[in-house]
Amino acid sequence: MKKALRYSVRGKKSFSVTTDLCLNFQIKGRCDVDQEFQQRESSGAAEFIWDVTNFNKDQDLRIKVGYEAFEKVPYVQIRENNWTLNVDLKGRWNVRYGL
């Protein structure tokens, strides 16, 4: 059995757009490489994140609109408490429920 060692580097920085901290601009990136630094997988994105607390009673809402730089694809994420809907312009989508 071949054992593979991989290295990962991640970074994220968020900037508040409004004084009430409801709208933020975030940049993030990740790079994974093998131990010989031959195979590399990179991702990076810029996002606007809008948090709406108490959208309804005991219900919070988060809307992300972003652009994935390496795949060159815009995406949207809508999150309500435990439910998350992800959609991008390549036609990919998923729905998640977090316990």
N, C-alpha and C. Protein backbone atom coordinates (compact mmCIF):
# COMPACT_ATOMS: atom_id res chain seq x y z
N MET A 1 0.84 -1.17 0.00
CA MET A 1 0.00 0.00 0.00
C MET A 1 0.90 1.24 0.00
N LYS A 2 0.62 2.14 -0.91
CA LYS A 2 1.39 3.38 -1.02
C LYS A 2 0.78 4.43 -0.10
N LYS A 3 1.63 5.02 0.71
CA LYS A 3 1.18 6.09 1.60
C LYS A 3 1.49 7.42 0.95
N ALA A 4 0.51 8.27 0.92
CA ALA A 4 0.69 9.58 0.29
C ALA A 4 0.60 10.66 1.36
N LEU A 5 1.56 11.55 1.31
CA LEU A 5 1.57 12.69 2.20
C LEU A 5 1.18 13.91 1.40
N ARG A 6 0.28 14.71 1.93
CA ARG A 6 -0.17 15.92 1.24
C ARG A 6 -0.05 17.10 2.18
N TYR A 7 0.17 18.27 1.60
CA TYR A 7 0.25 19.52 2.36
C TYR A 7 -0.90 20.41 1.94
N SER A 8 -1.45 21.14 2.89
CA SER A 8 -2.55 22.07 2.61
C SER A 8 -2.25 23.42 3.24
N VAL A 9 -2.56 24.47 2.48
CA VAL A 9 -2.44 25.83 2.98
C VAL A 9 -3.78 26.51 2.69
N ARG A 10 -4.34 27.17 3.71
CA ARG A 10 -5.62 27.88 3.55
C ARG A 10 -5.49 29.29 4.11
N GLY A 11 -6.27 30.18 3.54
CA GLY A 11 -6.30 31.55 4.05
C GLY A 11 -7.66 32.17 3.79
N LYS A 12 -8.07 33.06 4.69
CA LYS A 12 -9.36 33.72 4.55
C LYS A 12 -9.28 35.09 5.22
N LYS A 13 -9.84 36.10 4.58
CA LYS A 13 -9.88 37.45 5.15
C LYS A 13 -11.24 38.05 4.85
N SER A 14 -11.86 38.63 5.87
CA SER A 14 -13.18 39.22 5.73
C SER A 14 -13.10 40.72 6.03
N PHE A 15 -13.84 41.50 5.24
CA PHE A 15 -13.90 42.95 5.40
C PHE A 15 -15.36 43.35 5.55
N SER A 16 -15.66 44.12 6.58
CA SER A 16 -17.02 44.59 6.78
C SER A 16 -17.33 45.71 5.80
N VAL A 17 -18.47 45.61 5.12
CA VAL A 17 -18.89 46.63 4.16
C VAL A 17 -19.78 47.66 4.83
N THR A 18 -20.57 47.23 5.81
CA THR A 18 -21.47 48.13 6.53
C THR A 18 -21.06 48.20 8.00
N THR A 19 -21.48 49.24 8.68
CA THR A 19 -21.12 49.41 10.09
C THR A 19 -21.85 48.44 11.01
N ASP A 20 -23.00 47.92 10.59
CA ASP A 20 -23.74 46.97 11.43
C ASP A 20 -23.28 45.53 11.25
N LEU A 21 -22.23 45.30 10.46
CA LEU A 21 -21.61 43.99 10.22
C LEU A 21 -22.54 42.99 9.53
N CYS A 22 -23.61 43.44 8.90
CA CYS A 22 -24.52 42.53 8.21
C CYS A 22 -24.03 42.17 6.81
N LEU A 23 -23.25 43.05 6.19
CA LEU A 23 -22.74 42.79 4.84
C LEU A 23 -21.22 42.79 4.89
N ASN A 24 -20.63 41.67 4.44
CA ASN A 24 -19.18 41.51 4.45
C ASN A 24 -18.68 41.10 3.08
N PHE A 25 -17.44 41.46 2.80
CA PHE A 25 -16.73 41.00 1.61
C PHE A 25 -15.62 40.08 2.09
N GLN A 26 -15.54 38.89 1.50
CA GLN A 26 -14.58 37.90 1.97
C GLN A 26 -13.79 37.34 0.80
N ILE A 27 -12.48 37.19 1.00
CA ILE A 27 -11.65 36.49 0.03
C ILE A 27 -11.07 35.27 0.73
N LYS A 28 -10.96 34.17 -0.02
CA LYS A 28 -10.43 32.96 0.58
C LYS A 28 -9.71 32.15 -0.49
N GLY A 29 -8.76 31.35 -0.05
CA GLY A 29 -8.00 30.53 -0.98
C GLY A 29 -7.47 29.28 -0.30
N ARG A 30 -7.17 28.29 -1.12
CA ARG A 30 -6.66 27.01 -0.63
C ARG A 30 -5.75 26.40 -1.68
N CYS A 31 -4.69 25.75 -1.24
CA CYS A 31 -3.81 25.02 -2.15
C CYS A 31 -3.40 23.72 -1.48
N ASP A 32 -3.63 22.60 -2.15
CA ASP A 32 -3.23 21.28 -1.68
C ASP A 32 -2.19 20.73 -2.64
N VAL A 33 -1.07 20.21 -2.11
CA VAL A 33 -0.01 19.63 -2.95
C VAL A 33 0.42 18.30 -2.36
N ASP A 34 0.99 17.43 -3.23
CA ASP A 34 1.54 16.17 -2.76
C ASP A 34 2.94 16.40 -2.20
N GLN A 35 3.55 15.35 -1.66
CA GLN A 35 4.83 15.54 -0.98
C GLN A 35 5.97 15.86 -1.94
N GLU A 36 5.83 15.56 -3.23
CA GLU A 36 6.85 15.94 -4.21
C GLU A 36 6.54 17.29 -4.86
N PHE A 37 5.47 17.92 -4.46
CA PHE A 37 5.02 19.21 -5.01
C PHE A 37 4.74 19.12 -6.51
N GLN A 38 4.30 17.95 -6.98
CA GLN A 38 4.00 17.75 -8.39
C GLN A 38 2.52 17.98 -8.69
N GLN A 39 1.64 17.39 -7.90
CA GLN A 39 0.20 17.54 -8.11
C GLN A 39 -0.30 18.66 -7.21
N ARG A 40 -1.00 19.61 -7.83
CA ARG A 40 -1.50 20.76 -7.07
C ARG A 40 -2.97 20.96 -7.37
N GLU A 41 -3.75 21.21 -6.33
CA GLU A 41 -5.16 21.56 -6.47
C GLU A 41 -5.38 22.88 -5.75
N SER A 42 -5.83 23.88 -6.49
CA SER A 42 -6.02 25.21 -5.91
C SER A 42 -7.45 25.66 -6.06
N SER A 43 -7.89 26.48 -5.13
CA SER A 43 -9.20 27.12 -5.24
C SER A 43 -9.11 28.48 -4.56
N GLY A 44 -9.91 29.39 -5.03
CA GLY A 44 -9.94 30.73 -4.46
C GLY A 44 -11.24 31.40 -4.83
N ALA A 45 -11.75 32.23 -3.95
CA ALA A 45 -13.04 32.86 -4.21
C ALA A 45 -13.11 34.23 -3.55
N ALA A 46 -13.98 35.05 -4.12
CA ALA A 46 -14.35 36.34 -3.54
C ALA A 46 -15.86 36.31 -3.36
N GLU A 47 -16.33 36.72 -2.17
CA GLU A 47 -17.76 36.60 -1.85
C GLU A 47 -18.28 37.85 -1.15
N PHE A 48 -19.53 38.15 -1.42
CA PHE A 48 -20.28 39.08 -0.59
C PHE A 48 -21.22 38.24 0.26
N ILE A 49 -21.25 38.50 1.56
CA ILE A 49 -22.05 37.71 2.50
C ILE A 49 -22.98 38.66 3.24
N TRP A 50 -24.28 38.37 3.14
CA TRP A 50 -25.29 39.18 3.81
C TRP A 50 -25.95 38.33 4.89
N ASP A 51 -25.81 38.72 6.15
CA ASP A 51 -26.42 38.02 7.27
C ASP A 51 -27.66 38.77 7.74
N VAL A 52 -28.78 38.07 7.80
CA VAL A 52 -30.03 38.64 8.29
C VAL A 52 -30.43 37.85 9.53
N THR A 53 -30.21 38.43 10.70
CA THR A 53 -30.60 37.75 11.94
C THR A 53 -32.08 38.01 12.20
N ASN A 54 -32.73 37.01 12.75
CA ASN A 54 -34.16 37.06 13.04
C ASN A 54 -34.98 37.46 11.82
N PHE A 55 -34.67 36.81 10.69
CA PHE A 55 -35.44 36.99 9.46
C PHE A 55 -36.91 36.74 9.74
N ASN A 56 -37.19 35.66 10.38
CA ASN A 56 -38.47 35.37 11.03
C ASN A 56 -38.13 35.02 12.47
N LYS A 57 -39.10 34.80 13.31
CA LYS A 57 -38.82 34.45 14.70
C LYS A 57 -37.97 33.19 14.75
N ASP A 58 -36.84 33.25 15.45
CA ASP A 58 -35.89 32.14 15.58
C ASP A 58 -35.38 31.62 14.24
N GLN A 59 -35.30 32.48 13.25
CA GLN A 59 -34.84 32.06 11.93
C GLN A 59 -33.84 33.08 11.40
N ASP A 60 -32.61 32.62 11.17
CA ASP A 60 -31.56 33.46 10.60
C ASP A 60 -31.36 33.09 9.14
N LEU A 61 -30.92 34.06 8.36
CA LEU A 61 -30.73 33.86 6.92
C LEU A 61 -29.36 34.40 6.54
N ARG A 62 -28.64 33.65 5.70
CA ARG A 62 -27.36 34.10 5.16
C ARG A 62 -27.38 33.88 3.65
N ILE A 63 -27.02 34.92 2.92
CA ILE A 63 -26.96 34.85 1.46
C ILE A 63 -25.53 35.18 1.04
N LYS A 64 -24.92 34.26 0.30
CA LYS A 64 -23.57 34.47 -0.25
C LYS A 64 -23.67 34.54 -1.76
N VAL A 65 -23.01 35.53 -2.33
CA VAL A 65 -22.87 35.63 -3.78
C VAL A 65 -21.37 35.73 -4.03
N GLY A 66 -20.84 34.78 -4.80
CA GLY A 66 -19.39 34.73 -4.96
C GLY A 66 -18.94 34.34 -6.35
N TYR A 67 -17.63 34.38 -6.51
CA TYR A 67 -17.00 34.01 -7.78
C TYR A 67 -15.79 33.14 -7.46
N GLU A 68 -15.79 31.89 -7.96
CA GLU A 68 -14.67 30.98 -7.77
C GLU A 68 -13.65 31.29 -8.86
N ALA A 69 -12.45 31.73 -8.48
CA ALA A 69 -11.48 32.28 -9.43
C ALA A 69 -10.83 31.22 -10.31
N PHE A 70 -10.54 30.03 -9.81
CA PHE A 70 -9.84 29.03 -10.61
C PHE A 70 -10.77 28.32 -11.59
N GLU A 71 -12.01 28.07 -11.18
CA GLU A 71 -13.00 27.48 -12.09
C GLU A 71 -13.70 28.54 -12.93
N LYS A 72 -13.56 29.80 -12.55
CA LYS A 72 -14.19 30.94 -13.24
C LYS A 72 -15.70 30.77 -13.31
N VAL A 73 -16.31 30.56 -12.15
CA VAL A 73 -17.76 30.34 -12.11
C VAL A 73 -18.38 31.11 -10.93
N PRO A 74 -19.43 31.89 -11.20
CA PRO A 74 -20.18 32.54 -10.11
C PRO A 74 -21.07 31.53 -9.39
N TYR A 75 -21.35 31.80 -8.13
CA TYR A 75 -22.21 30.91 -7.35
C TYR A 75 -23.01 31.69 -6.33
N VAL A 76 -24.05 31.03 -5.81
CA VAL A 76 -24.92 31.60 -4.78
C VAL A 76 -25.14 30.54 -3.72
N GLN A 77 -25.15 30.96 -2.47
CA GLN A 77 -25.51 30.07 -1.37
C GLN A 77 -26.55 30.77 -0.52
N ILE A 78 -27.65 30.07 -0.23
CA ILE A 78 -28.69 30.58 0.66
C ILE A 78 -28.77 29.61 1.83
N ARG A 79 -28.61 30.15 3.02
CA ARG A 79 -28.58 29.30 4.21
C ARG A 79 -29.59 29.82 5.23
N GLU A 80 -30.43 28.91 5.71
CA GLU A 80 -31.45 29.24 6.72
C GLU A 80 -31.29 28.23 7.84
N ASN A 81 -30.81 28.70 8.99
CA ASN A 81 -30.53 27.84 10.14
C ASN A 81 -29.81 26.55 9.71
N ASN A 82 -30.50 25.44 9.53
CA ASN A 82 -29.85 24.17 9.20
C ASN A 82 -29.88 23.82 7.72
N TRP A 83 -30.67 24.49 6.93
CA TRP A 83 -30.80 24.19 5.51
C TRP A 83 -29.87 25.07 4.68
N THR A 84 -29.22 24.48 3.67
CA THR A 84 -28.33 25.22 2.78
C THR A 84 -28.60 24.81 1.34
N LEU A 85 -28.76 25.80 0.47
CA LEU A 85 -28.91 25.59 -0.97
C LEU A 85 -27.72 26.23 -1.66
N ASN A 86 -26.97 25.43 -2.45
CA ASN A 86 -25.83 25.92 -3.23
C ASN A 86 -26.14 25.77 -4.71
N VAL A 87 -25.88 26.82 -5.48
CA VAL A 87 -26.13 26.81 -6.93
C VAL A 87 -25.00 27.57 -7.61
N ASP A 88 -24.51 27.04 -8.77
CA ASP A 88 -23.55 27.81 -9.55
C ASP A 88 -23.99 27.86 -11.01
N LEU A 89 -23.31 28.68 -11.80
CA LEU A 89 -23.72 28.88 -13.20
C LEU A 89 -23.25 27.77 -14.13
N LYS A 90 -22.57 26.75 -13.62
CA LYS A 90 -22.26 25.57 -14.42
C LYS A 90 -23.39 24.55 -14.32
N GLY A 91 -24.43 24.89 -13.58
CA GLY A 91 -25.59 24.01 -13.45
C GLY A 91 -25.51 23.07 -12.25
N ARG A 92 -24.46 23.17 -11.47
CA ARG A 92 -24.34 22.31 -10.29
C ARG A 92 -25.17 22.92 -9.15
N TRP A 93 -25.77 22.06 -8.35
CA TRP A 93 -26.53 22.51 -7.20
C TRP A 93 -26.61 21.39 -6.18
N ASN A 94 -26.84 21.74 -4.93
CA ASN A 94 -27.09 20.75 -3.89
C ASN A 94 -27.85 21.40 -2.75
N VAL A 95 -28.50 20.57 -1.98
CA VAL A 95 -29.23 21.00 -0.78
C VAL A 95 -28.68 20.17 0.37
N ARG A 96 -28.36 20.85 1.47
CA ARG A 96 -27.83 20.15 2.64
C ARG A 96 -28.66 20.50 3.87
N TYR A 97 -28.74 19.53 4.76
CA TYR A 97 -29.36 19.77 6.06
C TYR A 97 -28.35 19.38 7.12
N GLY A 98 -27.97 20.31 7.97
CA GLY A 98 -27.01 20.04 9.04
C GLY A 98 -27.71 19.82 10.36
N LEU A 99 -27.39 18.72 10.99
CA LEU A 99 -28.01 18.40 12.28
C LEU A 99 -27.41 19.20 13.40
